[in-house]
Amino acid sequence: MPHYPIQTNKILNNFFNFYIKDVLAVADNMEINLRADNFFGDHLGLQVLSAEEFDKSHIIFLGYAEMIHDNIIHNRRNRVYRFKKPLEAEGITMPKIEIFEPKPEADISKLRPGIEHISFVVKNYDSFLEECKQKNISIDKVIDMGGSKFFKTKLIDNVEIEFRNDKLGE
C-alpha cells in the first residue's frame, strides 16, 4: 500500500497543515478567499488504488473517525468518515474525509493515489459557479446528483478544489 498520511489523526493533521497552504495559494491565484464567511471546509478526498487498500484504510479511519456514509457510486465503494477531532490549520477546519476505490474501468497508472481533492461547501453555490465561469476559472467537471451539486477545478499545482452546495454524506 502506498504511504498515505492517514495512520493517525495527528499524522493526517500534520499533512493537512502543509497541504492547506498550497490550496490557499491556488485559491488566491483564482481570486477566491477560502477564509471568507461563505466557505466551509467539508472534506478531503482520498483516492486508493485497490479494494485491499480501501479495506486497510477503513480499519485505520475507524481508530479516529466515525463512518457516516457508505455507498456504491460509479460501480466503486465510497465512504465518508467524520473525524472525532476535526483537522485544523491556517484558519480552515476540515471535519471529514471521503475514501473511494478506483472505477472498474480506470487505468490505475493514471490515477493520483492519496489526497486527490479538498472540498468546501459554499453559500449561494449557483451564483458562485456562474462567477467562477465568468472569471474563466478552469473547471474540470460540474455535477448535479439529485440536487447535491458540486464542481471541481482542474488540477493546478497538484491541487484540485471541489465546491459543493451541501455537506457530503449528511
C-alpha atoms as a PDB file:
ATOM      1  CA  MET A   1       0.000   0.000   0.000  1.00  0.00           C
ATOM      2  CA  PRO A   2       1.452   3.435  -0.884  1.00  0.00           C
ATOM      3  CA  HIS A   3       2.222   5.664   2.052  1.00  0.00           C
ATOM      4  CA  TYR A   4      -0.908   7.684   2.710  1.00  0.00           C
ATOM      5  CA  PRO A   5      -0.626  10.174   5.610  1.00  0.00           C
ATOM      6  CA  ILE A   6      -3.602   8.651   7.438  1.00  0.00           C
ATOM      7  CA  GLN A   7      -2.213   6.394  10.190  1.00  0.00           C
ATOM      8  CA  THR A   8      -3.377   8.713  12.973  1.00  0.00           C
ATOM      9  CA  ASN A   9      -5.341  11.944  13.283  1.00  0.00           C
ATOM     10  CA  LYS A  10      -2.113  13.717  14.245  1.00  0.00           C
ATOM     11  CA  ILE A  11      -0.244  12.487  11.138  1.00  0.00           C
ATOM     12  CA  LEU A  12      -3.152  13.491   8.893  1.00  0.00           C
ATOM     13  CA  ASN A  13      -3.398  16.896  10.585  1.00  0.00           C
ATOM     14  CA  ASN A  14       0.349  17.420  10.021  1.00  0.00           C
ATOM     15  CA  PHE A  15      -0.174  16.660   6.325  1.00  0.00           C
ATOM     16  CA  PHE A  16      -3.208  18.975   6.247  1.00  0.00           C
ATOM     17  CA  ASN A  17      -1.137  21.779   7.784  1.00  0.00           C
ATOM     18  CA  PHE A  18       1.257  21.534   4.835  1.00  0.00           C
ATOM     19  CA  TYR A  19      -1.361  20.853   2.128  1.00  0.00           C
ATOM     20  CA  ILE A  20      -3.772  23.670   3.034  1.00  0.00           C
ATOM     21  CA  LYS A  21      -1.062  26.257   2.340  1.00  0.00           C
ATOM     22  CA  ASP A  22      -0.884  25.082  -1.278  1.00  0.00           C
ATOM     23  CA  VAL A  23      -4.681  25.023  -1.505  1.00  0.00           C
ATOM     24  CA  LEU A  24      -4.951  28.586  -0.206  1.00  0.00           C
ATOM     25  CA  ALA A  25      -2.256  29.771  -2.651  1.00  0.00           C
ATOM     26  CA  VAL A  26      -4.052  28.182  -5.619  1.00  0.00           C
ATOM     27  CA  ALA A  27      -7.384  29.671  -4.492  1.00  0.00           C
ATOM     28  CA  ASP A  28      -5.791  33.099  -4.011  1.00  0.00           C
ATOM     29  CA  ASN A  29      -4.487  32.931  -7.595  1.00  0.00           C
ATOM     30  CA  MET A  30      -8.097  32.340  -8.688  1.00  0.00           C
ATOM     31  CA  GLU A  31      -9.168  35.311  -6.527  1.00  0.00           C
ATOM     32  CA  ILE A  32     -11.124  33.038  -4.176  1.00  0.00           C
ATOM     33  CA  ASN A  33     -10.802  33.708  -0.446  1.00  0.00           C
ATOM     34  CA  LEU A  34     -11.465  30.337   1.209  1.00  0.00           C
ATOM     35  CA  ARG A  35     -11.375  32.021   4.623  1.00  0.00           C
ATOM     36  CA  ALA A  36     -14.417  34.170   3.777  1.00  0.00           C
ATOM     37  CA  ASP A  37     -17.686  33.611   5.637  1.00  0.00           C
ATOM     38  CA  ASN A  38     -19.374  31.894   2.682  1.00  0.00           C
ATOM     39  CA  PHE A  39     -16.915  28.932   2.576  1.00  0.00           C
ATOM     40  CA  PHE A  40     -16.874  25.992   4.980  1.00  0.00           C
ATOM     41  CA  GLY A  41     -14.399  23.128   4.938  1.00  0.00           C
ATOM     42  CA  ASP A  42     -16.247  19.887   4.139  1.00  0.00           C
ATOM     43  CA  HIS A  43     -13.851  17.019   3.391  1.00  0.00           C
ATOM     44  CA  LEU A  44     -10.637  15.691   1.934  1.00  0.00           C
ATOM     45  CA  GLY A  45     -10.920  13.091  -0.837  1.00  0.00           C
ATOM     46  CA  LEU A  46      -8.616  10.047  -0.638  1.00  0.00           C
ATOM     47  CA  GLN A  47      -8.068   8.003  -3.808  1.00  0.00           C
ATOM     48  CA  VAL A  48      -6.829   4.465  -3.124  1.00  0.00           C
ATOM     49  CA  LEU A  49      -5.700   2.055  -5.830  1.00  0.00           C
ATOM     50  CA  SER A  50      -7.401  -1.222  -4.864  1.00  0.00           C
ATOM     51  CA  ALA A  51     -10.091  -2.908  -2.794  1.00  0.00           C
ATOM     52  CA  GLU A  52      -7.365  -4.110  -0.419  1.00  0.00           C
ATOM     53  CA  GLU A  53      -6.120  -0.545   0.179  1.00  0.00           C
ATOM     54  CA  PHE A  54      -9.726   0.576   0.682  1.00  0.00           C
ATOM     55  CA  ASP A  55     -10.277  -2.080   3.359  1.00  0.00           C
ATOM     56  CA  LYS A  56      -6.986  -1.288   5.133  1.00  0.00           C
ATOM     57  CA  SER A  57      -7.752   2.437   5.105  1.00  0.00           C
ATOM     58  CA  HIS A  58     -11.230   1.764   6.521  1.00  0.00           C
ATOM     59  CA  ILE A  59      -9.719   0.000   9.538  1.00  0.00           C
ATOM     60  CA  ILE A  60      -7.273   2.869  10.103  1.00  0.00           C
ATOM     61  CA  PHE A  61     -10.016   5.519   9.929  1.00  0.00           C
ATOM     62  CA  LEU A  62     -12.170   3.708  12.468  1.00  0.00           C
ATOM     63  CA  GLY A  63      -9.402   4.429  15.000  1.00  0.00           C
ATOM     64  CA  TYR A  64     -10.093   8.178  14.918  1.00  0.00           C
ATOM     65  CA  ALA A  65     -13.236   8.757  12.887  1.00  0.00           C
ATOM     66  CA  GLU A  66     -16.823   7.560  12.577  1.00  0.00           C
ATOM     67  CA  MET A  67     -18.132   6.245   9.263  1.00  0.00           C
ATOM     68  CA  ILE A  68     -21.212   8.324   8.362  1.00  0.00           C
ATOM     69  CA  HIS A  69     -21.811   7.284   4.746  1.00  0.00           C
ATOM     70  CA  ASP A  70     -21.284   4.023   2.835  1.00  0.00           C
ATOM     71  CA  ASN A  71     -22.345   3.759  -0.800  1.00  0.00           C
ATOM     72  CA  ILE A  72     -21.548   2.440  -4.268  1.00  0.00           C
ATOM     73  CA  ILE A  73     -21.000   5.273  -6.744  1.00  0.00           C
ATOM     74  CA  HIS A  74     -19.929   4.611 -10.350  1.00  0.00           C
ATOM     75  CA  ASN A  75     -19.531   0.893  -9.502  1.00  0.00           C
ATOM     76  CA  ARG A  76     -16.985   1.560  -6.753  1.00  0.00           C
ATOM     77  CA  ARG A  77     -17.157   1.734  -2.989  1.00  0.00           C
ATOM     78  CA  ASN A  78     -17.275   5.187  -1.456  1.00  0.00           C
ATOM     79  CA  ARG A  79     -17.279   6.024   2.263  1.00  0.00           C
ATOM     80  CA  VAL A  80     -17.266   9.201   4.298  1.00  0.00           C
ATOM     81  CA  TYR A  81     -15.876   9.470   7.831  1.00  0.00           C
ATOM     82  CA  ARG A  82     -16.296  12.275  10.370  1.00  0.00           C
ATOM     83  CA  PHE A  83     -13.199  12.899  12.456  1.00  0.00           C
ATOM     84  CA  LYS A  84     -13.568  12.700  16.225  1.00  0.00           C
ATOM     85  CA  LYS A  85     -11.217  15.696  16.220  1.00  0.00           C
ATOM     86  CA  PRO A  86     -11.501  17.833  13.037  1.00  0.00           C
ATOM     87  CA  LEU A  87      -8.345  18.803  11.159  1.00  0.00           C
ATOM     88  CA  GLU A  88      -7.399  22.453  11.616  1.00  0.00           C
ATOM     89  CA  ALA A  89      -4.751  24.648  10.004  1.00  0.00           C
ATOM     90  CA  GLU A  90      -4.445  28.189   8.636  1.00  0.00           C
ATOM     91  CA  GLY A  91      -7.921  29.108   9.894  1.00  0.00           C
ATOM     92  CA  ILE A  92      -9.574  26.233   7.965  1.00  0.00           C
ATOM     93  CA  THR A  93     -11.395  23.374   9.701  1.00  0.00           C
ATOM     94  CA  MET A  94     -11.890  20.068   7.857  1.00  0.00           C
ATOM     95  CA  PRO A  95     -14.362  17.738   9.607  1.00  0.00           C
ATOM     96  CA  LYS A  96     -14.440  14.729   7.236  1.00  0.00           C
ATOM     97  CA  ILE A  97     -12.618  12.524   4.772  1.00  0.00           C
ATOM     98  CA  GLU A  98     -14.033  10.644   1.790  1.00  0.00           C
ATOM     99  CA  ILE A  99     -12.379   7.475   0.524  1.00  0.00           C
ATOM    100  CA  PHE A 100     -13.011   5.863  -2.845  1.00  0.00           C
ATOM    101  CA  GLU A 101     -11.808   2.912  -4.849  1.00  0.00           C
ATOM    102  CA  PRO A 102     -10.828   3.252  -8.498  1.00  0.00           C
ATOM    103  CA  LYS A 103     -13.645   2.981 -11.015  1.00  0.00           C
ATOM    104  CA  PRO A 104     -13.614  -0.557 -12.501  1.00  0.00           C
ATOM    105  CA  GLU A 105     -12.584   0.729 -15.938  1.00  0.00           C
ATOM    106  CA  ALA A 106      -9.901   3.113 -14.593  1.00  0.00           C
ATOM    107  CA  ASP A 107      -6.298   2.939 -15.743  1.00  0.00           C
ATOM    108  CA  ILE A 108      -4.600   2.735 -12.330  1.00  0.00           C
ATOM    109  CA  SER A 109      -1.380   4.224 -13.733  1.00  0.00           C
ATOM    110  CA  LYS A 110      -3.235   7.484 -14.480  1.00  0.00           C
ATOM    111  CA  LEU A 111      -4.761   7.904 -11.006  1.00  0.00           C
ATOM    112  CA  ARG A 112      -3.319  10.122  -8.302  1.00  0.00           C
ATOM    113  CA  PRO A 113      -3.245   7.985  -5.159  1.00  0.00           C
ATOM    114  CA  GLY A 114      -3.503   9.851  -1.894  1.00  0.00           C
ATOM    115  CA  ILE A 115      -5.343  13.064  -1.127  1.00  0.00           C
ATOM    116  CA  GLU A 116      -6.934  13.722  -4.502  1.00  0.00           C
ATOM    117  CA  HIS A 117      -9.076  16.761  -3.673  1.00  0.00           C
ATOM    118  CA  ILE A 118     -10.252  19.114  -0.964  1.00  0.00           C
ATOM    119  CA  SER A 119     -13.886  20.180  -0.722  1.00  0.00           C
ATOM    120  CA  PHE A 120     -15.664  23.259   0.554  1.00  0.00           C
ATOM    121  CA  VAL A 121     -19.367  23.960   0.976  1.00  0.00           C
ATOM    122  CA  VAL A 122     -20.163  27.390  -0.445  1.00  0.00           C
ATOM    123  CA  LYS A 123     -23.191  29.551   0.291  1.00  0.00           C
ATOM    124  CA  ASN A 124     -25.024  30.655  -2.854  1.00  0.00           C
ATOM    125  CA  TYR A 125     -23.486  27.805  -4.840  1.00  0.00           C
ATOM    126  CA  ASP A 126     -25.218  28.557  -8.159  1.00  0.00           C
ATOM    127  CA  SER A 127     -24.174  32.215  -8.245  1.00  0.00           C
ATOM    128  CA  PHE A 128     -20.633  31.255  -7.162  1.00  0.00           C
ATOM    129  CA  LEU A 129     -20.389  28.733 -10.022  1.00  0.00           C
ATOM    130  CA  GLU A 130     -21.510  31.425 -12.513  1.00  0.00           C
ATOM    131  CA  GLU A 131     -18.986  33.852 -11.047  1.00  0.00           C
ATOM    132  CA  CYS A 132     -16.210  31.272 -11.492  1.00  0.00           C
ATOM    133  CA  LYS A 133     -17.236  30.702 -15.116  1.00  0.00           C
ATOM    134  CA  GLN A 134     -17.217  34.457 -15.757  1.00  0.00           C
ATOM    135  CA  LYS A 135     -13.707  34.671 -14.276  1.00  0.00           C
ATOM    136  CA  ASN A 136     -12.621  31.823 -16.610  1.00  0.00           C
ATOM    137  CA  ILE A 137     -11.572  29.625 -13.682  1.00  0.00           C
ATOM    138  CA  SER A 138     -10.553  26.238 -15.081  1.00  0.00           C
ATOM    139  CA  ILE A 139     -13.383  23.864 -14.189  1.00  0.00           C
ATOM    140  CA  ASP A 140     -12.917  20.128 -14.716  1.00  0.00           C
ATOM    141  CA  LYS A 141     -16.495  18.986 -14.157  1.00  0.00           C
ATOM    142  CA  VAL A 142     -19.872  20.157 -12.902  1.00  0.00           C
ATOM    143  CA  ILE A 143     -22.214  17.561 -11.380  1.00  0.00           C
ATOM    144  CA  ASP A 144     -25.775  17.569 -10.060  1.00  0.00           C
ATOM    145  CA  MET A 145     -26.696  14.275  -8.369  1.00  0.00           C
ATOM    146  CA  GLY A 146     -30.329  14.695  -7.390  1.00  0.00           C
ATOM    147  CA  GLY A 147     -29.867  18.217  -6.063  1.00  0.00           C
ATOM    148  CA  SER A 148     -26.460  17.565  -4.497  1.00  0.00           C
ATOM    149  CA  LYS A 149     -24.348  19.837  -6.678  1.00  0.00           C
ATOM    150  CA  PHE A 150     -20.604  20.266  -6.949  1.00  0.00           C
ATOM    151  CA  PHE A 151     -17.882  21.297  -9.324  1.00  0.00           C
ATOM    152  CA  LYS A 152     -14.156  20.663  -9.337  1.00  0.00           C
ATOM    153  CA  THR A 153     -11.408  22.900 -10.557  1.00  0.00           C
ATOM    154  CA  LYS A 154      -8.847  21.460 -12.939  1.00  0.00           C
ATOM    155  CA  LEU A 155      -5.688  20.190 -11.280  1.00  0.00           C
ATOM    156  CA  ILE A 156      -3.394  23.140 -10.606  1.00  0.00           C
ATOM    157  CA  ASP A 157      -0.042  22.590  -8.851  1.00  0.00           C
ATOM    158  CA  ASN A 158      -1.294  19.210  -7.541  1.00  0.00           C
ATOM    159  CA  VAL A 159      -4.374  20.863  -6.020  1.00  0.00           C
ATOM    160  CA  GLU A 160      -7.951  20.099  -7.068  1.00  0.00           C
ATOM    161  CA  ILE A 161     -10.653  22.049  -5.228  1.00  0.00           C
ATOM    162  CA  GLU A 162     -14.259  20.903  -5.075  1.00  0.00           C
ATOM    163  CA  PHE A 163     -17.056  23.349  -4.281  1.00  0.00           C
ATOM    164  CA  ARG A 164     -20.413  21.965  -3.083  1.00  0.00           C
ATOM    165  CA  ASN A 165     -23.904  23.204  -2.293  1.00  0.00           C
ATOM    166  CA  ASP A 166     -24.277  20.687   0.579  1.00  0.00           C
ATOM    167  CA  LYS A 167     -22.332  18.600   3.066  1.00  0.00           C
ATOM    168  CA  LEU A 168     -21.130  15.254   1.714  1.00  0.00           C
ATOM    169  CA  GLY A 169     -22.600  12.218   3.469  1.00  0.00           C
ATOM    170  CA  GLU A 170     -25.032  14.187   5.619  1.00  0.00           C
END
